[in-house]
N, C-alpha and C. Protein backbone atom coordinates (compact mmCIF):
# COMPACT_ATOMS: atom_id res chain seq x y z
N MET A 1 93.88 98.86 72.99
CA MET A 1 95.49 98.76 73.09
C MET A 1 95.89 98.32 71.51
N ARG A 2 96.90 98.94 71.08
CA ARG A 2 97.51 98.53 69.79
C ARG A 2 99.05 98.67 70.06
N ILE A 3 99.75 97.84 69.07
CA ILE A 3 101.16 97.93 69.11
C ILE A 3 101.55 98.22 67.76
N TYR A 4 102.60 98.91 67.43
CA TYR A 4 102.99 99.37 66.38
C TYR A 4 104.60 99.47 66.04
N LYS A 5 105.07 99.63 64.96
CA LYS A 5 106.51 99.75 64.88
C LYS A 5 106.63 101.18 64.07
N SER A 6 107.69 101.80 64.78
CA SER A 6 108.05 103.02 64.20
C SER A 6 108.91 102.95 63.17
N ASN A 7 108.95 103.86 62.30
CA ASN A 7 109.78 103.81 61.12
C ASN A 7 111.07 103.89 61.38
N SER A 8 111.43 104.60 62.57
CA SER A 8 113.05 104.97 62.91
C SER A 8 113.52 103.70 64.04
N SER A 9 112.70 102.74 64.06
CA SER A 9 113.31 101.69 65.30
C SER A 9 112.85 100.45 64.67
N SER A 10 113.71 99.36 65.23
CA SER A 10 113.40 98.02 64.86
C SER A 10 112.49 97.37 66.01
N PHE A 11 112.32 98.15 67.09
CA PHE A 11 111.41 97.69 68.24
C PHE A 11 109.85 97.87 67.98
N TRP A 12 109.07 97.11 68.45
CA TRP A 12 107.64 97.30 68.79
C TRP A 12 107.14 98.27 69.99
N TYR A 13 106.24 99.03 69.77
CA TYR A 13 105.61 99.91 70.66
C TYR A 13 104.34 99.83 71.16
N TYR A 14 103.97 99.82 72.35
CA TYR A 14 102.48 99.64 72.59
C TYR A 14 101.89 101.00 73.01
N GLU A 15 100.60 101.16 72.86
CA GLU A 15 99.80 102.45 73.24
C GLU A 15 98.36 102.06 73.58
N PHE A 16 98.27 102.57 74.74
CA PHE A 16 96.70 102.56 75.24
C PHE A 16 96.31 103.65 76.21
N VAL A 17 95.02 104.04 76.25
CA VAL A 17 94.41 104.81 77.22
C VAL A 17 93.83 104.16 78.19
N LEU A 18 94.04 104.68 79.58
CA LEU A 18 93.29 104.00 80.52
C LEU A 18 93.08 105.50 81.40
N ASN A 19 91.78 105.55 81.78
CA ASN A 19 91.33 106.67 82.58
C ASN A 19 91.50 107.84 82.10
N GLY A 20 91.46 108.15 80.85
CA GLY A 20 91.89 109.48 80.33
C GLY A 20 93.45 109.59 79.98
N THR A 21 94.28 108.80 80.46
CA THR A 21 95.77 109.19 80.40
C THR A 21 96.17 108.10 79.41
N ARG A 22 96.95 108.57 78.38
CA ARG A 22 97.65 107.80 77.31
C ARG A 22 99.00 107.32 77.83
N TYR A 23 99.01 106.15 77.50
CA TYR A 23 100.32 105.31 77.85
C TYR A 23 101.10 104.62 76.49
N HIS A 24 102.29 104.96 76.29
CA HIS A 24 103.02 104.50 75.28
C HIS A 24 104.47 104.16 75.55
N LYS A 25 104.95 103.24 75.00
CA LYS A 25 106.28 102.85 75.37
C LYS A 25 106.98 101.60 74.62
N SER A 26 108.10 101.72 74.37
CA SER A 26 108.81 100.69 73.79
C SER A 26 108.95 99.26 74.32
N THR A 27 108.62 98.27 73.65
CA THR A 27 108.51 96.99 74.34
C THR A 27 109.92 96.40 74.33
N ARG A 28 110.87 97.11 73.60
CA ARG A 28 112.27 96.56 73.42
C ARG A 28 112.15 94.92 72.77
N MET A 29 111.13 94.98 72.06
CA MET A 29 110.98 93.39 71.34
C MET A 29 111.11 93.64 69.73
N LYS A 30 111.63 92.69 69.02
CA LYS A 30 111.61 92.82 67.70
C LYS A 30 110.44 91.94 67.01
N ASN A 31 109.88 90.99 68.01
CA ASN A 31 109.14 90.02 67.47
C ASN A 31 107.70 90.51 67.89
N GLU A 32 106.59 90.60 67.03
CA GLU A 32 105.39 91.06 67.07
C GLU A 32 104.57 90.30 68.10
N ARG A 33 104.76 88.94 68.20
CA ARG A 33 104.03 88.27 69.41
C ARG A 33 104.67 88.60 70.83
N GLU A 34 105.91 88.59 70.81
CA GLU A 34 106.44 88.86 72.33
C GLU A 34 106.17 90.33 72.60
N ALA A 35 106.13 91.20 71.63
CA ALA A 35 105.85 92.69 71.88
C ALA A 35 104.35 92.48 72.43
N LEU A 36 103.45 91.71 71.84
CA LEU A 36 101.94 91.82 72.46
C LEU A 36 102.05 91.31 73.85
N LYS A 37 102.82 90.46 74.12
CA LYS A 37 102.89 90.01 75.60
C LYS A 37 103.30 90.91 76.48
N VAL A 38 104.30 91.47 76.19
CA VAL A 38 104.98 92.80 76.95
C VAL A 38 103.90 93.79 77.23
N ALA A 39 103.19 94.22 76.03
CA ALA A 39 102.27 95.06 76.20
C ALA A 39 101.19 94.61 77.09
N ASN A 40 100.46 93.54 76.82
CA ASN A 40 99.48 93.05 77.98
C ASN A 40 99.92 93.07 79.20
N ALA A 41 101.27 92.64 79.39
CA ALA A 41 101.60 92.67 80.93
C ALA A 41 101.57 93.89 81.52
N ALA A 42 102.31 95.05 80.75
CA ALA A 42 102.08 96.34 81.17
C ALA A 42 100.78 96.87 81.55
N PHE A 43 99.82 96.53 80.66
CA PHE A 43 98.32 96.87 80.74
C PHE A 43 97.77 96.24 81.97
N THR A 44 98.06 94.96 82.30
CA THR A 44 97.60 94.27 83.49
C THR A 44 98.08 95.03 84.62
N ALA A 45 99.44 94.95 84.62
CA ALA A 45 100.12 95.72 85.96
C ALA A 45 99.49 97.02 86.18
N LEU A 46 99.22 97.82 85.05
CA LEU A 46 98.72 99.18 85.45
C LEU A 46 97.36 98.97 86.05
N VAL A 47 96.59 98.18 85.38
CA VAL A 47 95.03 98.07 85.74
C VAL A 47 94.98 97.64 87.33
N LYS A 48 95.58 96.50 87.57
CA LYS A 48 95.83 96.02 89.07
C LYS A 48 96.27 97.20 89.92
N GLY A 49 97.23 97.99 89.59
CA GLY A 49 97.64 99.13 90.51
C GLY A 49 96.58 100.27 90.73
N GLU A 50 95.82 100.31 89.64
CA GLU A 50 94.66 101.36 89.61
C GLU A 50 93.61 100.89 90.55
N ALA A 51 93.32 99.50 90.52
CA ALA A 51 92.35 98.81 91.33
C ALA A 51 92.77 98.52 92.66
N GLY A 52 93.99 98.57 92.93
CA GLY A 52 94.51 98.60 94.25
C GLY A 52 94.71 97.22 94.73
N ILE A 53 94.86 96.25 93.80
CA ILE A 53 94.99 94.73 93.92
C ILE A 53 96.47 94.37 93.60
N GLY A 54 97.10 95.45 93.19
CA GLY A 54 98.66 94.97 92.67
C GLY A 54 99.46 94.53 94.07
N GLU A 55 100.63 94.37 93.88
CA GLU A 55 101.55 94.18 95.05
C GLU A 55 101.71 95.32 95.74
N PRO A 56 101.70 95.09 97.13
CA PRO A 56 101.73 96.13 98.16
C PRO A 56 103.23 96.86 98.33
N LYS A 57 103.24 98.27 98.54
CA LYS A 57 104.48 98.82 98.44
C LYS A 57 105.00 98.76 100.05
N SER A 58 106.13 98.25 100.15
CA SER A 58 106.88 98.21 101.52
C SER A 58 106.81 99.86 102.03
N VAL A 59 106.50 99.88 103.23
CA VAL A 59 106.35 101.10 104.12
C VAL A 59 107.47 101.10 104.91
N PRO A 60 108.55 102.08 105.02
CA PRO A 60 109.35 101.86 105.94
C PRO A 60 109.00 102.25 107.57
N THR A 61 109.53 101.68 108.43
CA THR A 61 109.14 101.90 109.79
C THR A 61 109.71 103.04 110.32
N LEU A 62 109.11 103.60 111.36
CA LEU A 62 109.70 104.86 111.93
C LEU A 62 111.03 104.67 112.49
N ARG A 63 111.28 103.36 113.12
CA ARG A 63 112.54 103.04 113.45
C ARG A 63 113.74 102.98 112.56
N GLY A 64 113.30 102.53 111.41
CA GLY A 64 114.25 102.58 110.18
C GLY A 64 114.47 103.59 109.62
N PHE A 65 113.51 104.53 109.77
CA PHE A 65 113.68 106.13 109.12
C PHE A 65 114.56 106.68 110.09
N ARG A 66 114.31 106.46 111.42
CA ARG A 66 115.19 107.22 112.25
C ARG A 66 116.77 107.06 112.24
N GLU A 67 117.02 105.72 112.23
CA GLU A 67 118.20 105.26 111.96
C GLU A 67 119.01 105.70 110.70
N ASP A 68 118.24 105.92 109.62
CA ASP A 68 118.71 106.57 108.36
C ASP A 68 118.87 107.89 108.60
N PHE A 69 117.92 108.79 109.16
CA PHE A 69 118.03 110.08 109.57
C PHE A 69 119.23 110.48 110.19
N ILE A 70 119.39 109.64 111.47
CA ILE A 70 120.51 110.09 112.35
C ILE A 70 121.97 109.68 111.66
N THR A 71 122.07 108.64 110.91
CA THR A 71 123.30 108.52 109.93
C THR A 71 123.50 109.54 109.12
N ALA A 72 122.60 109.99 108.33
CA ALA A 72 122.64 111.25 107.47
C ALA A 72 122.97 112.48 108.41
N VAL A 73 122.43 112.62 109.45
CA VAL A 73 122.66 113.92 109.98
C VAL A 73 124.09 114.06 110.67
N ARG A 74 124.49 112.69 111.14
CA ARG A 74 125.88 112.54 111.58
C ARG A 74 127.08 112.83 110.62
N ALA A 75 126.81 112.43 109.26
CA ALA A 75 127.64 112.41 108.18
C ALA A 75 127.61 113.94 107.87
N GLU A 76 126.49 114.65 107.86
CA GLU A 76 126.64 116.17 107.45
C GLU A 76 127.17 116.93 108.53
N LYS A 77 126.81 116.68 110.05
CA LYS A 77 127.24 117.57 110.95
C LYS A 77 128.26 117.00 111.86
N GLN A 78 129.42 116.45 111.15
CA GLN A 78 130.40 115.96 111.74
C GLN A 78 131.09 117.04 112.72
N ASP A 79 131.23 118.26 112.40
CA ASP A 79 131.73 119.43 113.24
C ASP A 79 130.97 119.73 114.42
N LYS A 80 129.86 119.34 114.40
CA LYS A 80 128.81 119.70 115.48
C LYS A 80 128.32 118.13 116.16
N PRO A 81 129.01 117.78 117.02
CA PRO A 81 128.82 116.59 117.72
C PRO A 81 127.53 116.48 118.83
N LYS A 82 127.36 117.52 119.06
CA LYS A 82 126.01 117.76 120.08
C LYS A 82 124.67 117.60 119.26
N THR A 83 124.78 117.93 117.88
CA THR A 83 123.62 117.73 117.27
C THR A 83 122.96 116.43 117.03
N THR A 84 123.75 115.38 117.25
CA THR A 84 123.08 114.05 117.24
C THR A 84 123.47 113.35 118.50
N THR A 85 123.77 114.00 119.74
CA THR A 85 123.74 113.34 120.81
C THR A 85 122.56 113.47 121.46
N PRO A 86 122.08 112.29 122.09
CA PRO A 86 120.59 112.24 122.62
C PRO A 86 120.41 113.12 123.83
N SER A 87 119.30 113.89 123.84
CA SER A 87 119.01 114.51 124.98
C SER A 87 118.69 113.72 126.07
N THR A 88 118.44 114.52 127.34
CA THR A 88 117.98 113.71 128.47
C THR A 88 116.39 113.24 128.52
N THR A 89 115.63 113.92 127.44
CA THR A 89 114.30 113.67 127.44
C THR A 89 113.96 112.61 126.39
N ASP A 90 115.17 112.12 125.61
CA ASP A 90 114.89 111.03 124.78
C ASP A 90 114.49 109.68 125.68
N ARG A 91 113.48 108.86 124.91
CA ARG A 91 113.21 107.64 125.81
C ARG A 91 114.12 106.61 125.13
N PRO A 92 114.57 105.59 126.02
CA PRO A 92 115.37 104.51 125.58
C PRO A 92 114.64 103.68 124.50
N GLU A 93 115.34 103.15 123.82
CA GLU A 93 114.75 102.21 122.78
C GLU A 93 114.20 100.85 123.48
N ARG A 94 113.02 100.34 122.89
CA ARG A 94 112.66 99.14 123.45
C ARG A 94 113.22 97.91 122.85
């Protein structure tokens, strides 16, 4: 990993390669030490994610998706009220 300063910017940038992919981004820091901390944090977060030991992503539940979906359909199909009326074959919510 390396950090460098571009001629056209007052900010430090980091650059590294992980699994054949080049990552480069501004640290938005003007101090070299602070920029190095930001670069190390970005690298660590990426490595943890690649290894599967990062923070788990929240997965929406089917019930939550259903509510969002029905709300969206009702908003788009206001002129067709039967579109969102439950049929007789729907199971009641538990």
